[in-house]
Amino acid sequence: MNISDNQNMRYDLQIIAAWIRPGSKVIGLGCGEGELLHYLKHHKQVRETGVELLESRVAACINKGLTVIQGDINEEVTDYANDTFDYVVLSQTLQQVYDPLTLVRSMLRIGKKVVVSFPNFGHWHIRLQLLATGHAPITPQLPYEWYETPNIRILSIKDFRSFARKVGFTILKEATINTDREDKGGSYVTLMPNLRATYGIYMISRKN
């Protein structure tokens, strides 16, 4: 699938969808209203499962015909056996997790491959705002005031690469991207991505 095949999805989801093999078994953690799972089910014939905390979003998923349960992703992942899924997807949620190390290890246990995306706190706009104003930055990718944000951690592309080395998992694919204001379109960033990319997207696996 070319990422232009579904430009109604967020740009990072378009890239993730392009990475998923047809007919795979996929679980989306923090799957929201099921935008990605719905696309994968109908265009790539995946066997989908989702976990979402908010009841209204779970209802939206069910109305789309998706298999989604309501629950805390940190708890629900413990119920699955090793290698239950071909792919585990955690999209733009890592920065909201209290114990990301434990969650990533659990995802690597239940999935043969794991896909993670997150907003890049190393982006030049964020650095400039912090330097110029001294206030917690607000951007299209991180649009919340400090007192109302669901994000409890900040990380950059460099942080995630370091995390991979320290924890000991393999990065299979990396997409560092810059998106438009609504995140529907964008482009790959290859030069100085930690400074210029708004998001990092990674496919990872356990070390052999």
N, C-alpha and C. Protein backbone atom coordinates (compact mmCIF):
# COMPACT_ATOMS: atom_id res chain seq x y z
N MET A 1 0.84 -1.20 0.00
CA MET A 1 0.00 0.00 0.00
C MET A 1 0.87 1.25 0.00
N ASN A 2 0.55 2.18 -0.87
CA ASN A 2 1.20 3.47 -0.86
C ASN A 2 0.52 4.34 0.19
N ILE A 3 1.31 5.17 0.90
CA ILE A 3 0.70 5.95 1.97
C ILE A 3 -0.32 6.94 1.46
N SER A 4 -0.32 7.21 0.17
CA SER A 4 -1.32 8.12 -0.39
C SER A 4 -2.68 7.46 -0.58
N ASP A 5 -2.76 6.13 -0.35
CA ASP A 5 -4.01 5.42 -0.57
C ASP A 5 -5.10 5.84 0.41
N ASN A 6 -4.72 6.33 1.57
CA ASN A 6 -5.73 6.80 2.51
C ASN A 6 -5.25 8.06 3.19
N GLN A 7 -5.50 9.19 2.57
CA GLN A 7 -5.03 10.45 3.10
C GLN A 7 -5.98 11.04 4.12
N ASN A 8 -7.08 10.33 4.43
CA ASN A 8 -7.96 10.80 5.49
C ASN A 8 -7.41 10.47 6.87
N MET A 9 -6.53 9.48 6.93
CA MET A 9 -5.90 9.14 8.20
C MET A 9 -4.77 10.12 8.50
N ARG A 10 -4.43 10.22 9.77
CA ARG A 10 -3.22 10.96 10.13
C ARG A 10 -2.02 10.40 9.36
N TYR A 11 -1.08 11.25 9.06
CA TYR A 11 0.06 10.85 8.24
C TYR A 11 0.86 9.72 8.89
N ASP A 12 1.03 9.77 10.22
CA ASP A 12 1.79 8.70 10.88
C ASP A 12 1.06 7.37 10.78
N LEU A 13 -0.28 7.41 10.81
CA LEU A 13 -1.05 6.17 10.67
C LEU A 13 -0.97 5.63 9.25
N GLN A 14 -0.87 6.51 8.27
CA GLN A 14 -0.69 6.07 6.90
C GLN A 14 0.61 5.27 6.76
N ILE A 15 1.66 5.75 7.41
CA ILE A 15 2.95 5.06 7.34
C ILE A 15 2.87 3.72 8.06
N ILE A 16 2.26 3.72 9.24
CA ILE A 16 2.12 2.46 9.99
C ILE A 16 1.33 1.45 9.17
N ALA A 17 0.24 1.89 8.56
CA ALA A 17 -0.57 0.99 7.74
C ALA A 17 0.25 0.38 6.62
N ALA A 18 1.14 1.16 6.04
CA ALA A 18 1.98 0.67 4.95
C ALA A 18 2.96 -0.41 5.43
N TRP A 19 3.29 -0.41 6.71
CA TRP A 19 4.23 -1.39 7.26
C TRP A 19 3.57 -2.73 7.59
N ILE A 20 2.26 -2.77 7.73
CA ILE A 20 1.56 -3.98 8.19
C ILE A 20 1.29 -4.91 7.02
N ARG A 21 1.67 -6.17 7.18
CA ARG A 21 1.44 -7.16 6.12
C ARG A 21 -0.03 -7.57 6.07
N PRO A 22 -0.58 -7.77 4.89
CA PRO A 22 -1.97 -8.23 4.77
C PRO A 22 -2.17 -9.57 5.48
N GLY A 23 -3.35 -9.73 6.08
CA GLY A 23 -3.69 -10.98 6.74
C GLY A 23 -3.05 -11.17 8.10
N SER A 24 -2.38 -10.17 8.62
CA SER A 24 -1.70 -10.28 9.91
C SER A 24 -2.69 -10.22 11.07
N LYS A 25 -2.20 -10.62 12.22
CA LYS A 25 -2.96 -10.49 13.45
C LYS A 25 -2.41 -9.28 14.20
N VAL A 26 -3.26 -8.26 14.42
CA VAL A 26 -2.81 -6.95 14.91
C VAL A 26 -3.61 -6.56 16.15
N ILE A 27 -2.91 -6.02 17.15
CA ILE A 27 -3.59 -5.40 18.28
C ILE A 27 -3.16 -3.94 18.37
N GLY A 28 -4.15 -3.07 18.51
CA GLY A 28 -3.89 -1.65 18.69
C GLY A 28 -4.13 -1.27 20.14
N LEU A 29 -3.10 -0.79 20.80
CA LEU A 29 -3.21 -0.39 22.21
C LEU A 29 -3.45 1.12 22.27
N GLY A 30 -4.50 1.52 22.99
CA GLY A 30 -4.90 2.91 22.97
C GLY A 30 -5.35 3.28 21.56
N CYS A 31 -6.26 2.49 21.02
CA CYS A 31 -6.60 2.56 19.60
C CYS A 31 -7.57 3.69 19.26
N GLY A 32 -7.97 4.49 20.25
CA GLY A 32 -8.87 5.62 19.97
C GLY A 32 -10.19 5.16 19.40
N GLU A 33 -10.62 5.78 18.33
CA GLU A 33 -11.89 5.42 17.69
C GLU A 33 -11.70 4.42 16.56
N GLY A 34 -10.52 3.83 16.50
CA GLY A 34 -10.30 2.70 15.59
C GLY A 34 -9.99 3.05 14.16
N GLU A 35 -9.49 4.26 13.93
CA GLU A 35 -9.21 4.71 12.57
C GLU A 35 -8.25 3.76 11.84
N LEU A 36 -7.15 3.43 12.50
CA LEU A 36 -6.15 2.56 11.86
C LEU A 36 -6.67 1.13 11.74
N LEU A 37 -7.24 0.60 12.81
CA LEU A 37 -7.73 -0.78 12.77
C LEU A 37 -8.81 -0.97 11.71
N HIS A 38 -9.68 0.01 11.59
CA HIS A 38 -10.74 -0.08 10.59
C HIS A 38 -10.14 -0.14 9.19
N TYR A 39 -9.16 0.69 8.94
CA TYR A 39 -8.52 0.68 7.63
C TYR A 39 -7.82 -0.66 7.38
N LEU A 40 -7.08 -1.15 8.37
CA LEU A 40 -6.36 -2.41 8.19
C LEU A 40 -7.31 -3.59 7.99
N LYS A 41 -8.42 -3.57 8.69
CA LYS A 41 -9.38 -4.67 8.56
C LYS A 41 -9.97 -4.71 7.17
N HIS A 42 -10.29 -3.56 6.61
CA HIS A 42 -11.01 -3.53 5.34
C HIS A 42 -10.10 -3.46 4.11
N HIS A 43 -8.87 -3.02 4.30
CA HIS A 43 -7.96 -2.90 3.16
C HIS A 43 -6.82 -3.91 3.19
N LYS A 44 -6.54 -4.46 4.38
CA LYS A 44 -5.46 -5.45 4.47
C LYS A 44 -5.91 -6.76 5.11
N GLN A 45 -7.20 -6.86 5.39
CA GLN A 45 -7.80 -8.08 5.89
C GLN A 45 -7.08 -8.62 7.13
N VAL A 46 -6.68 -7.72 8.01
CA VAL A 46 -6.04 -8.16 9.25
C VAL A 46 -7.10 -8.69 10.20
N ARG A 47 -6.65 -9.50 11.15
CA ARG A 47 -7.50 -9.92 12.26
C ARG A 47 -7.19 -8.97 13.41
N GLU A 48 -8.15 -8.08 13.68
CA GLU A 48 -7.86 -6.95 14.56
C GLU A 48 -8.38 -7.16 15.97
N THR A 49 -7.62 -6.62 16.93
CA THR A 49 -8.05 -6.49 18.32
C THR A 49 -7.60 -5.11 18.77
N GLY A 50 -8.42 -4.48 19.61
CA GLY A 50 -8.04 -3.17 20.14
C GLY A 50 -8.29 -3.10 21.63
N VAL A 51 -7.54 -2.24 22.29
CA VAL A 51 -7.76 -1.94 23.71
C VAL A 51 -7.80 -0.43 23.84
N GLU A 52 -8.86 0.07 24.45
CA GLU A 52 -9.03 1.52 24.62
C GLU A 52 -9.68 1.78 25.98
N LEU A 53 -9.22 2.81 26.66
CA LEU A 53 -9.69 3.10 28.00
C LEU A 53 -11.05 3.82 28.01
N LEU A 54 -11.26 4.76 27.10
CA LEU A 54 -12.47 5.58 27.14
C LEU A 54 -13.66 4.84 26.53
N GLU A 55 -14.74 4.79 27.27
CA GLU A 55 -15.92 4.05 26.85
C GLU A 55 -16.50 4.58 25.55
N SER A 56 -16.51 5.91 25.38
CA SER A 56 -17.08 6.50 24.17
C SER A 56 -16.29 6.08 22.93
N ARG A 57 -14.99 5.97 23.06
CA ARG A 57 -14.17 5.55 21.93
C ARG A 57 -14.36 4.06 21.64
N VAL A 58 -14.50 3.27 22.68
CA VAL A 58 -14.76 1.84 22.49
C VAL A 58 -16.07 1.67 21.73
N ALA A 59 -17.10 2.43 22.13
CA ALA A 59 -18.40 2.36 21.45
C ALA A 59 -18.26 2.74 19.98
N ALA A 60 -17.46 3.76 19.69
CA ALA A 60 -17.25 4.17 18.30
C ALA A 60 -16.59 3.05 17.50
N CYS A 61 -15.64 2.35 18.12
CA CYS A 61 -14.97 1.22 17.46
C CYS A 61 -15.96 0.09 17.18
N ILE A 62 -16.76 -0.23 18.16
CA ILE A 62 -17.73 -1.32 18.01
C ILE A 62 -18.73 -0.99 16.91
N ASN A 63 -19.14 0.28 16.84
CA ASN A 63 -20.05 0.70 15.78
C ASN A 63 -19.43 0.55 14.40
N LYS A 64 -18.13 0.53 14.33
CA LYS A 64 -17.43 0.31 13.05
C LYS A 64 -17.21 -1.17 12.76
N GLY A 65 -17.67 -2.03 13.68
CA GLY A 65 -17.52 -3.47 13.49
C GLY A 65 -16.17 -4.01 13.93
N LEU A 66 -15.47 -3.28 14.81
CA LEU A 66 -14.14 -3.69 15.27
C LEU A 66 -14.23 -4.46 16.59
N THR A 67 -13.28 -5.34 16.79
CA THR A 67 -13.18 -6.09 18.04
C THR A 67 -12.29 -5.31 19.00
N VAL A 68 -12.91 -4.56 19.88
CA VAL A 68 -12.18 -3.69 20.80
C VAL A 68 -12.75 -3.85 22.20
N ILE A 69 -11.87 -3.93 23.19
CA ILE A 69 -12.31 -4.04 24.57
C ILE A 69 -11.92 -2.78 25.33
N GLN A 70 -12.68 -2.50 26.37
CA GLN A 70 -12.36 -1.37 27.23
C GLN A 70 -11.45 -1.84 28.34
N GLY A 71 -10.35 -1.13 28.55
CA GLY A 71 -9.44 -1.51 29.61
C GLY A 71 -8.17 -0.69 29.58
N ASP A 72 -7.37 -0.88 30.62
CA ASP A 72 -6.08 -0.24 30.75
C ASP A 72 -5.05 -1.06 29.97
N ILE A 73 -4.37 -0.44 29.02
CA ILE A 73 -3.44 -1.20 28.18
C ILE A 73 -2.34 -1.86 29.01
N ASN A 74 -1.93 -1.23 30.09
CA ASN A 74 -0.86 -1.80 30.93
C ASN A 74 -1.28 -3.11 31.58
N GLU A 75 -2.57 -3.22 31.86
CA GLU A 75 -3.08 -4.44 32.49
C GLU A 75 -3.49 -5.48 31.45
N GLU A 76 -4.12 -5.02 30.38
CA GLU A 76 -4.67 -5.95 29.39
C GLU A 76 -3.58 -6.75 28.68
N VAL A 77 -2.41 -6.16 28.48
CA VAL A 77 -1.36 -6.88 27.75
C VAL A 77 -0.88 -8.11 28.51
N THR A 78 -1.05 -8.13 29.82
CA THR A 78 -0.59 -9.28 30.61
C THR A 78 -1.44 -10.51 30.37
N ASP A 79 -2.62 -10.35 29.77
CA ASP A 79 -3.54 -11.47 29.56
C ASP A 79 -3.21 -12.29 28.32
N TYR A 80 -2.30 -11.79 27.49
CA TYR A 80 -2.01 -12.47 26.23
C TYR A 80 -0.74 -13.31 26.33
N ALA A 81 -0.76 -14.44 25.63
CA ALA A 81 0.40 -15.34 25.61
C ALA A 81 1.50 -14.77 24.71
N ASN A 82 2.68 -15.31 24.83
CA ASN A 82 3.80 -14.91 23.98
C ASN A 82 3.45 -15.05 22.50
N ASP A 83 3.86 -14.08 21.72
CA ASP A 83 3.71 -14.12 20.25
C ASP A 83 2.27 -14.33 19.79
N THR A 84 1.32 -13.77 20.53
CA THR A 84 -0.08 -13.86 20.13
C THR A 84 -0.34 -13.09 18.84
N PHE A 85 0.37 -11.98 18.67
CA PHE A 85 0.11 -11.08 17.54
C PHE A 85 1.33 -10.96 16.63
N ASP A 86 1.04 -10.69 15.37
CA ASP A 86 2.12 -10.37 14.44
C ASP A 86 2.64 -8.95 14.68
N TYR A 87 1.69 -8.04 15.00
CA TYR A 87 2.06 -6.64 15.25
C TYR A 87 1.30 -6.12 16.47
N VAL A 88 2.01 -5.38 17.31
CA VAL A 88 1.40 -4.61 18.38
C VAL A 88 1.65 -3.14 18.05
N VAL A 89 0.58 -2.35 18.01
CA VAL A 89 0.72 -0.94 17.62
C VAL A 89 0.37 -0.04 18.80
N LEU A 90 1.30 0.86 19.12
CA LEU A 90 1.09 1.87 20.16
C LEU A 90 1.37 3.23 19.52
N SER A 91 0.31 3.89 19.08
CA SER A 91 0.45 5.12 18.30
C SER A 91 0.21 6.35 19.15
N GLN A 92 1.23 7.20 19.26
CA GLN A 92 1.16 8.47 19.98
C GLN A 92 0.64 8.33 21.41
N THR A 93 1.06 7.27 22.06
CA THR A 93 0.60 7.00 23.43
C THR A 93 1.75 6.77 24.40
N LEU A 94 2.93 6.47 23.90
CA LEU A 94 4.07 6.15 24.76
C LEU A 94 4.33 7.25 25.78
N GLN A 95 4.16 8.50 25.37
CA GLN A 95 4.44 9.63 26.26
C GLN A 95 3.39 9.78 27.36
N GLN A 96 2.31 9.00 27.28
CA GLN A 96 1.25 9.07 28.29
C GLN A 96 1.28 7.89 29.26
N VAL A 97 2.30 7.03 29.13
CA VAL A 97 2.37 5.79 29.92
C VAL A 97 3.24 6.00 31.15
N TYR A 98 2.77 5.52 32.30
CA TYR A 98 3.52 5.70 33.54
C TYR A 98 4.80 4.86 33.57
N ASP A 99 4.75 3.66 33.05
CA ASP A 99 5.91 2.77 33.09
C ASP A 99 6.18 2.26 31.68
N PRO A 100 6.78 3.09 30.82
CA PRO A 100 6.97 2.70 29.42
C PRO A 100 7.88 1.49 29.24
N LEU A 101 8.87 1.33 30.11
CA LEU A 101 9.78 0.19 29.98
C LEU A 101 9.02 -1.13 30.13
N THR A 102 8.19 -1.23 31.17
CA THR A 102 7.42 -2.45 31.39
C THR A 102 6.46 -2.69 30.24
N LEU A 103 5.81 -1.63 29.76
CA LEU A 103 4.85 -1.79 28.67
C LEU A 103 5.55 -2.24 27.39
N VAL A 104 6.67 -1.63 27.06
CA VAL A 104 7.39 -2.02 25.84
C VAL A 104 7.83 -3.48 25.92
N ARG A 105 8.31 -3.89 27.06
CA ARG A 105 8.72 -5.30 27.22
C ARG A 105 7.52 -6.23 27.07
N SER A 106 6.37 -5.83 27.60
CA SER A 106 5.16 -6.65 27.45
C SER A 106 4.73 -6.72 25.99
N MET A 107 4.83 -5.62 25.28
CA MET A 107 4.45 -5.60 23.86
C MET A 107 5.38 -6.50 23.05
N LEU A 108 6.67 -6.46 23.37
CA LEU A 108 7.64 -7.30 22.67
C LEU A 108 7.42 -8.78 22.99
N ARG A 109 6.83 -9.05 24.13
CA ARG A 109 6.53 -10.44 24.50
C ARG A 109 5.34 -10.98 23.73
N ILE A 110 4.27 -10.17 23.63
CA ILE A 110 3.04 -10.67 23.01
C ILE A 110 3.03 -10.49 21.49
N GLY A 111 3.93 -9.68 20.97
CA GLY A 111 3.95 -9.42 19.54
C GLY A 111 5.29 -9.75 18.91
N LYS A 112 5.25 -10.26 17.69
CA LYS A 112 6.50 -10.54 16.96
C LYS A 112 7.18 -9.24 16.55
N LYS A 113 6.35 -8.23 16.24
CA LYS A 113 6.87 -6.91 15.92
C LYS A 113 6.01 -5.87 16.64
N VAL A 114 6.64 -4.77 17.01
CA VAL A 114 5.94 -3.70 17.72
C VAL A 114 6.16 -2.39 16.96
N VAL A 115 5.09 -1.63 16.80
CA VAL A 115 5.18 -0.32 16.15
C VAL A 115 4.81 0.76 17.16
N VAL A 116 5.70 1.73 17.30
CA VAL A 116 5.52 2.81 18.27
C VAL A 116 5.70 4.14 17.56
N SER A 117 4.81 5.10 17.83
CA SER A 117 5.03 6.46 17.33
C SER A 117 4.83 7.44 18.47
N PHE A 118 5.50 8.59 18.37
CA PHE A 118 5.42 9.59 19.44
C PHE A 118 5.82 10.96 18.89
N PRO A 119 5.32 12.05 19.50
CA PRO A 119 5.77 13.39 19.11
C PRO A 119 7.20 13.61 19.59
N ASN A 120 7.99 14.25 18.74
CA ASN A 120 9.41 14.46 19.02
C ASN A 120 9.62 15.76 19.79
N PHE A 121 10.01 15.64 21.05
CA PHE A 121 10.21 16.83 21.89
C PHE A 121 11.51 17.55 21.54
N GLY A 122 12.32 16.95 20.69
CA GLY A 122 13.56 17.60 20.28
C GLY A 122 13.39 18.55 19.11
N HIS A 123 12.17 18.69 18.58
CA HIS A 123 11.92 19.53 17.41
C HIS A 123 12.32 20.98 17.69
N TRP A 124 12.84 21.63 16.66
CA TRP A 124 13.38 22.99 16.83
C TRP A 124 12.34 23.97 17.35
N HIS A 125 11.08 23.81 16.95
CA HIS A 125 10.03 24.73 17.39
C HIS A 125 9.84 24.66 18.89
N ILE A 126 9.89 23.44 19.42
CA ILE A 126 9.75 23.25 20.87
C ILE A 126 10.94 23.86 21.60
N ARG A 127 12.14 23.61 21.09
CA ARG A 127 13.35 24.16 21.71
C ARG A 127 13.31 25.68 21.71
N LEU A 128 12.89 26.26 20.59
CA LEU A 128 12.86 27.71 20.47
C LEU A 128 11.84 28.33 21.41
N GLN A 129 10.66 27.72 21.51
CA GLN A 129 9.64 28.24 22.43
C GLN A 129 10.13 28.25 23.86
N LEU A 130 10.75 27.14 24.27
CA LEU A 130 11.24 27.04 25.64
C LEU A 130 12.33 28.07 25.90
N LEU A 131 13.23 28.24 24.94
CA LEU A 131 14.32 29.20 25.09
C LEU A 131 13.79 30.63 25.11
N ALA A 132 12.85 30.94 24.22
CA ALA A 132 12.40 32.32 24.06
C ALA A 132 11.43 32.76 25.16
N THR A 133 10.56 31.83 25.61
CA THR A 133 9.51 32.22 26.55
C THR A 133 9.72 31.72 27.97
N GLY A 134 10.47 30.63 28.11
CA GLY A 134 10.64 30.04 29.43
C GLY A 134 9.43 29.26 29.91
N HIS A 135 8.41 29.13 29.04
CA HIS A 135 7.19 28.39 29.37
C HIS A 135 7.20 27.02 28.71
N ALA A 136 6.42 26.10 29.27
CA ALA A 136 6.24 24.79 28.64
C ALA A 136 5.70 25.00 27.23
N PRO A 137 6.32 24.41 26.22
CA PRO A 137 5.94 24.66 24.83
C PRO A 137 4.56 24.12 24.48
N ILE A 138 3.90 24.79 23.54
CA ILE A 138 2.64 24.33 22.97
C ILE A 138 2.81 24.32 21.46
N THR A 139 2.55 23.18 20.84
CA THR A 139 2.68 23.04 19.39
C THR A 139 1.47 22.27 18.86
N PRO A 140 1.29 22.20 17.53
CA PRO A 140 0.19 21.38 16.99
C PRO A 140 0.28 19.92 17.43
N GLN A 141 1.49 19.43 17.65
CA GLN A 141 1.67 18.03 18.06
C GLN A 141 1.55 17.87 19.58
N LEU A 142 1.83 18.93 20.32
CA LEU A 142 1.70 18.92 21.79
C LEU A 142 0.87 20.14 22.17
N PRO A 143 -0.46 20.06 21.95
CA PRO A 143 -1.30 21.26 21.99
C PRO A 143 -1.84 21.64 23.37
N TYR A 144 -1.37 21.00 24.42
CA TYR A 144 -1.99 21.21 25.73
C TYR A 144 -1.17 22.14 26.62
N GLU A 145 -1.88 22.87 27.51
CA GLU A 145 -1.20 23.56 28.60
C GLU A 145 -0.63 22.52 29.56
N TRP A 146 0.40 22.88 30.29
CA TRP A 146 1.09 21.91 31.16
C TRP A 146 0.16 21.30 32.19
N TYR A 147 -0.87 22.05 32.62
CA TYR A 147 -1.75 21.58 33.69
C TYR A 147 -2.89 20.70 33.20
N GLU A 148 -3.05 20.57 31.88
CA GLU A 148 -4.15 19.75 31.37
C GLU A 148 -3.69 18.67 30.39
N THR A 149 -2.39 18.54 30.21
CA THR A 149 -1.89 17.61 29.22
C THR A 149 -2.00 16.15 29.70
N PRO A 150 -2.36 15.26 28.80
CA PRO A 150 -2.32 13.83 29.14
C PRO A 150 -0.91 13.26 29.07
N ASN A 151 0.03 14.05 28.54
CA ASN A 151 1.40 13.57 28.40
C ASN A 151 2.15 13.74 29.72
N ILE A 152 2.67 12.64 30.23
CA ILE A 152 3.37 12.70 31.51
C ILE A 152 4.87 12.55 31.34
N ARG A 153 5.31 12.28 30.10
CA ARG A 153 6.74 12.16 29.80
C ARG A 153 7.01 12.89 28.50
N ILE A 154 8.24 13.32 28.35
CA ILE A 154 8.66 13.89 27.08
C ILE A 154 9.85 13.09 26.58
N LEU A 155 9.90 12.87 25.28
CA LEU A 155 11.03 12.15 24.71
C LEU A 155 11.28 12.64 23.30
N SER A 156 12.52 12.46 22.89
CA SER A 156 12.93 12.85 21.55
C SER A 156 13.31 11.61 20.76
N ILE A 157 13.58 11.82 19.49
CA ILE A 157 14.04 10.72 18.64
C ILE A 157 15.35 10.15 19.18
N LYS A 158 16.25 11.03 19.61
CA LYS A 158 17.51 10.56 20.19
C LYS A 158 17.27 9.74 21.45
N ASP A 159 16.30 10.17 22.26
CA ASP A 159 15.97 9.43 23.49
C ASP A 159 15.53 8.01 23.16
N PHE A 160 14.68 7.86 22.13
CA PHE A 160 14.17 6.53 21.81
C PHE A 160 15.28 5.64 21.27
N ARG A 161 16.16 6.18 20.46
CA ARG A 161 17.28 5.39 19.96
C ARG A 161 18.17 4.92 21.10
N SER A 162 18.42 5.83 22.06
CA SER A 162 19.20 5.46 23.24
C SER A 162 18.50 4.39 24.06
N PHE A 163 17.19 4.54 24.20
CA PHE A 163 16.35 3.57 24.90
C PHE A 163 16.52 2.18 24.29
N ALA A 164 16.51 2.11 22.97
CA ALA A 164 16.68 0.82 22.28
C ALA A 164 18.01 0.18 22.64
N ARG A 165 19.07 0.96 22.64
CA ARG A 165 20.40 0.42 22.97
C ARG A 165 20.47 -0.06 24.41
N LYS A 166 19.92 0.72 25.33
CA LYS A 166 20.02 0.39 26.76
C LYS A 166 19.15 -0.81 27.13
N VAL A 167 17.93 -0.84 26.58
CA VAL A 167 17.00 -1.91 26.93
C VAL A 167 17.33 -3.19 26.15
N GLY A 168 17.82 -3.03 24.93
CA GLY A 168 18.26 -4.19 24.16
C GLY A 168 17.22 -4.75 23.21
N PHE A 169 16.51 -3.85 22.49
CA PHE A 169 15.65 -4.35 21.43
C PHE A 169 16.16 -3.81 20.08
N THR A 170 15.70 -4.43 19.01
CA THR A 170 16.18 -4.11 17.68
C THR A 170 15.23 -3.16 16.97
N ILE A 171 15.76 -2.10 16.38
CA ILE A 171 14.96 -1.22 15.53
C ILE A 171 14.99 -1.77 14.11
N LEU A 172 13.83 -2.21 13.64
CA LEU A 172 13.71 -2.79 12.30
C LEU A 172 13.45 -1.72 11.24
N LYS A 173 12.62 -0.73 11.59
CA LYS A 173 12.30 0.35 10.67
C LYS A 173 12.18 1.64 11.47
N GLU A 174 12.51 2.74 10.81
CA GLU A 174 12.38 4.05 11.42
C GLU A 174 11.85 5.03 10.38
N ALA A 175 10.87 5.82 10.78
CA ALA A 175 10.38 6.90 9.93
C ALA A 175 10.33 8.16 10.79
N THR A 176 11.15 9.11 10.46
CA THR A 176 11.11 10.41 11.14
C THR A 176 10.45 11.37 10.17
N ILE A 177 9.35 12.00 10.61
CA ILE A 177 8.50 12.74 9.68
C ILE A 177 8.20 14.14 10.19
N ASN A 178 7.89 15.00 9.24
CA ASN A 178 7.40 16.34 9.55
C ASN A 178 6.00 16.44 8.98
N THR A 179 5.06 16.88 9.77
CA THR A 179 3.66 16.88 9.36
C THR A 179 3.12 18.29 9.18
N ASP A 180 2.00 18.39 8.48
CA ASP A 180 1.34 19.68 8.37
C ASP A 180 0.57 19.97 9.65
N ARG A 181 -0.10 21.09 9.69
CA ARG A 181 -0.72 21.53 10.94
C ARG A 181 -1.80 20.56 11.45
N GLU A 182 -2.49 19.90 10.53
CA GLU A 182 -3.55 18.96 10.92
C GLU A 182 -3.07 17.52 10.95
N ASP A 183 -1.79 17.29 10.69
CA ASP A 183 -1.18 15.96 10.73
C ASP A 183 -1.70 15.02 9.64
N LYS A 184 -2.44 15.54 8.64
CA LYS A 184 -2.98 14.68 7.59
C LYS A 184 -1.96 14.42 6.48
N GLY A 185 -1.03 15.34 6.31
CA GLY A 185 0.00 15.19 5.30
C GLY A 185 1.36 15.45 5.91
N GLY A 186 2.39 15.12 5.16
CA GLY A 186 3.72 15.34 5.68
C GLY A 186 4.78 14.81 4.76
N SER A 187 5.99 14.72 5.29
CA SER A 187 7.12 14.23 4.51
C SER A 187 8.15 13.60 5.44
N TYR A 188 8.98 12.75 4.86
CA TYR A 188 10.06 12.14 5.62
C TYR A 188 11.17 13.15 5.85
N VAL A 189 11.80 13.05 7.01
CA VAL A 189 12.94 13.90 7.34
C VAL A 189 14.16 13.01 7.55
N THR A 190 15.17 13.21 6.73
CA THR A 190 16.39 12.40 6.84
C THR A 190 17.57 13.20 7.37
N LEU A 191 17.56 14.53 7.16
CA LEU A 191 18.64 15.38 7.63
C LEU A 191 18.30 15.96 8.99
N MET A 192 19.13 15.66 9.98
CA MET A 192 18.94 16.14 11.35
C MET A 192 17.51 15.91 11.86
N PRO A 193 17.03 14.67 11.87
CA PRO A 193 15.63 14.41 12.24
C PRO A 193 15.30 14.79 13.67
N ASN A 194 16.24 14.69 14.59
CA ASN A 194 15.93 15.03 15.97
C ASN A 194 15.60 16.51 16.13
N LEU A 195 16.12 17.32 15.21
CA LEU A 195 15.86 18.75 15.23
C LEU A 195 14.66 19.13 14.37
N ARG A 196 14.42 18.37 13.28
CA ARG A 196 13.48 18.82 12.26
C ARG A 196 12.20 17.99 12.15
N ALA A 197 12.16 16.81 12.74
CA ALA A 197 10.98 15.94 12.62
C ALA A 197 9.99 16.21 13.74
N THR A 198 8.71 16.19 13.41
CA THR A 198 7.68 16.36 14.44
C THR A 198 7.32 15.05 15.12
N TYR A 199 7.51 13.92 14.41
CA TYR A 199 7.20 12.61 14.98
C TYR A 199 8.28 11.60 14.65
N GLY A 200 8.43 10.63 15.53
CA GLY A 200 9.22 9.45 15.25
C GLY A 200 8.32 8.23 15.23
N ILE A 201 8.54 7.34 14.26
CA ILE A 201 7.76 6.11 14.14
C ILE A 201 8.76 4.96 14.02
N TYR A 202 8.58 3.94 14.84
CA TYR A 202 9.54 2.84 14.88
C TYR A 202 8.84 1.49 14.84
N MET A 203 9.45 0.57 14.11
CA MET A 203 9.09 -0.83 14.22
C MET A 203 10.25 -1.53 14.92
N ILE A 204 9.94 -2.22 16.00
CA ILE A 204 10.98 -2.84 16.82
C ILE A 204 10.65 -4.32 17.06
N SER A 205 11.67 -5.07 17.47
CA SER A 205 11.48 -6.48 17.81
C SER A 205 12.47 -6.86 18.88
N ARG A 206 12.26 -8.01 19.48
CA ARG A 206 13.24 -8.54 20.42
C ARG A 206 14.53 -8.85 19.70
N LYS A 207 15.64 -8.75 20.41
CA LYS A 207 16.92 -9.17 19.83
C LYS A 207 16.92 -10.68 19.69
N ASN A 208 17.50 -11.19 18.61
CA ASN A 208 17.58 -12.63 18.41
C ASN A 208 18.58 -13.24 19.39
